[in-house]
Amino acid sequence: MTTKELIERRELAHRSNDGIEVTLFWSKASNRVTIAVYHARSATALEFDVDGADALDAFNHPYAYAATRGGHGIAAPRGVTIP
């Protein structure tokens, strides 16, 4: 993901439960839809692309989609952006 995509991406949905935050993003620059998951207890995150038609289902079941979509894990403290 380019810096421009990070700047221009919009949060479409967000939920938090039991230390896990899930966010659905759309990037205007590339028309990409991504799901970002942050796990507070382990301070780890993952993000993966998803087809727009599957966005809501992936938002509700991110770990199932990450396993099939090649989600990449990112170990970073909350608030740190990794391009």
C-alpha atoms as a PDB file:
ATOM      1  CA  MET A   1       0.000   0.000   0.000  1.00  0.00           C
ATOM      2  CA  THR A   2       1.394   3.380  -0.981  1.00  0.00           C
ATOM      3  CA  THR A   3       1.550   6.434   1.252  1.00  0.00           C
ATOM      4  CA  LYS A   4      -1.081   8.110  -0.922  1.00  0.00           C
ATOM      5  CA  GLU A   5      -3.433   5.169  -0.384  1.00  0.00           C
ATOM      6  CA  LEU A   6      -2.961   5.393   3.388  1.00  0.00           C
ATOM      7  CA  ILE A   7      -3.698   9.113   3.401  1.00  0.00           C
ATOM      8  CA  GLU A   8      -6.736   8.876   1.153  1.00  0.00           C
ATOM      9  CA  ARG A   9      -8.295   5.756   2.600  1.00  0.00           C
ATOM     10  CA  ARG A  10     -11.592   6.082   4.390  1.00  0.00           C
ATOM     11  CA  GLU A  11     -12.859   4.161   7.374  1.00  0.00           C
ATOM     12  CA  LEU A  12     -16.170   2.570   6.436  1.00  0.00           C
ATOM     13  CA  ALA A  13     -16.786   0.585   9.624  1.00  0.00           C
ATOM     14  CA  HIS A  14     -15.115  -0.109  12.950  1.00  0.00           C
ATOM     15  CA  ARG A  15     -15.856  -2.419  15.851  1.00  0.00           C
ATOM     16  CA  SER A  16     -14.090  -3.334  19.064  1.00  0.00           C
ATOM     17  CA  ASN A  17     -14.655  -6.266  21.397  1.00  0.00           C
ATOM     18  CA  ASP A  18     -12.518  -7.906  24.077  1.00  0.00           C
ATOM     19  CA  GLY A  19      -9.313  -6.137  23.014  1.00  0.00           C
ATOM     20  CA  ILE A  20      -9.731  -6.827  19.285  1.00  0.00           C
ATOM     21  CA  GLU A  21     -10.398  -3.946  16.904  1.00  0.00           C
ATOM     22  CA  VAL A  22     -11.566  -4.519  13.346  1.00  0.00           C
ATOM     23  CA  THR A  23     -11.686  -1.735  10.764  1.00  0.00           C
ATOM     24  CA  LEU A  24     -12.959  -1.773   7.199  1.00  0.00           C
ATOM     25  CA  PHE A  25     -11.159   0.668   4.887  1.00  0.00           C
ATOM     26  CA  TRP A  26     -11.617   1.799   1.297  1.00  0.00           C
ATOM     27  CA  SER A  27      -8.863   3.571  -0.644  1.00  0.00           C
ATOM     28  CA  LYS A  28     -10.067   6.117  -3.172  1.00  0.00           C
ATOM     29  CA  ALA A  29      -6.699   6.182  -4.967  1.00  0.00           C
ATOM     30  CA  SER A  30      -6.678   2.471  -5.779  1.00  0.00           C
ATOM     31  CA  ASN A  31     -10.319   1.488  -5.155  1.00  0.00           C
ATOM     32  CA  ARG A  32      -9.002  -1.214  -2.773  1.00  0.00           C
ATOM     33  CA  VAL A  33     -10.969  -2.508   0.192  1.00  0.00           C
ATOM     34  CA  THR A  34      -8.946  -3.696   3.186  1.00  0.00           C
ATOM     35  CA  ILE A  35      -9.628  -5.124   6.620  1.00  0.00           C
ATOM     36  CA  ALA A  36      -7.318  -4.199   9.492  1.00  0.00           C
ATOM     37  CA  VAL A  37      -7.328  -6.166  12.748  1.00  0.00           C
ATOM     38  CA  TYR A  38      -5.529  -5.039  15.902  1.00  0.00           C
ATOM     39  CA  HIS A  39      -5.112  -7.274  18.959  1.00  0.00           C
ATOM     40  CA  ALA A  40      -4.405  -5.091  21.995  1.00  0.00           C
ATOM     41  CA  ARG A  41      -3.157  -7.803  24.347  1.00  0.00           C
ATOM     42  CA  SER A  42      -0.386  -8.915  22.014  1.00  0.00           C
ATOM     43  CA  ALA A  43       0.060  -5.505  20.311  1.00  0.00           C
ATOM     44  CA  THR A  44      -0.092  -7.206  16.923  1.00  0.00           C
ATOM     45  CA  ALA A  45      -2.041  -6.395  13.816  1.00  0.00           C
ATOM     46  CA  LEU A  46      -2.832  -7.779  10.419  1.00  0.00           C
ATOM     47  CA  GLU A  47      -4.255  -6.283   7.284  1.00  0.00           C
ATOM     48  CA  PHE A  48      -5.485  -7.835   4.060  1.00  0.00           C
ATOM     49  CA  ASP A  49      -7.289  -6.946   0.848  1.00  0.00           C
ATOM     50  CA  VAL A  50     -10.799  -8.179   0.274  1.00  0.00           C
ATOM     51  CA  ASP A  51     -13.153  -8.060  -2.680  1.00  0.00           C
ATOM     52  CA  GLY A  52     -15.737  -5.319  -2.246  1.00  0.00           C
ATOM     53  CA  ALA A  53     -18.555  -7.850  -2.605  1.00  0.00           C
ATOM     54  CA  ASP A  54     -17.184  -9.726   0.432  1.00  0.00           C
ATOM     55  CA  ALA A  55     -16.321  -6.648   2.524  1.00  0.00           C
ATOM     56  CA  LEU A  56     -19.093  -6.908   5.112  1.00  0.00           C
ATOM     57  CA  ASP A  57     -18.648 -10.645   5.604  1.00  0.00           C
ATOM     58  CA  ALA A  58     -14.879 -10.196   5.945  1.00  0.00           C
ATOM     59  CA  PHE A  59     -15.458  -7.377   8.443  1.00  0.00           C
ATOM     60  CA  ASN A  60     -17.612  -9.720  10.533  1.00  0.00           C
ATOM     61  CA  HIS A  61     -15.281 -12.738  10.170  1.00  0.00           C
ATOM     62  CA  PRO A  62     -11.785 -11.288   9.627  1.00  0.00           C
ATOM     63  CA  TYR A  63      -9.730 -14.265  10.778  1.00  0.00           C
ATOM     64  CA  ALA A  64     -11.506 -16.640   8.415  1.00  0.00           C
ATOM     65  CA  TYR A  65     -10.863 -14.296   5.487  1.00  0.00           C
ATOM     66  CA  ALA A  66      -7.265 -13.545   6.496  1.00  0.00           C
ATOM     67  CA  ALA A  67      -6.488 -17.255   6.415  1.00  0.00           C
ATOM     68  CA  THR A  68      -7.706 -17.551   2.830  1.00  0.00           C
ATOM     69  CA  ARG A  69      -6.621 -14.133   1.546  1.00  0.00           C
ATOM     70  CA  GLY A  70      -2.989 -14.161   2.634  1.00  0.00           C
ATOM     71  CA  GLY A  71      -3.284 -11.542   5.334  1.00  0.00           C
ATOM     72  CA  HIS A  72       0.065 -10.243   6.465  1.00  0.00           C
ATOM     73  CA  GLY A  73       0.808  -9.813  10.121  1.00  0.00           C
ATOM     74  CA  ILE A  74       2.288  -6.628  11.439  1.00  0.00           C
ATOM     75  CA  ALA A  75       3.750  -6.391  14.923  1.00  0.00           C
ATOM     76  CA  ALA A  76       3.496  -2.746  15.945  1.00  0.00           C
ATOM     77  CA  PRO A  77       2.344  -0.730  18.916  1.00  0.00           C
ATOM     78  CA  ARG A  78      -1.096   0.872  18.629  1.00  0.00           C
ATOM     79  CA  GLY A  79      -0.965   4.200  16.794  1.00  0.00           C
ATOM     80  CA  VAL A  80       2.117   3.366  14.752  1.00  0.00           C
ATOM     81  CA  THR A  81       1.446   3.315  11.013  1.00  0.00           C
ATOM     82  CA  ILE A  82       3.405   0.815   8.987  1.00  0.00           C
ATOM     83  CA  PRO A  83       3.288   1.559   5.255  1.00  0.00           C
END
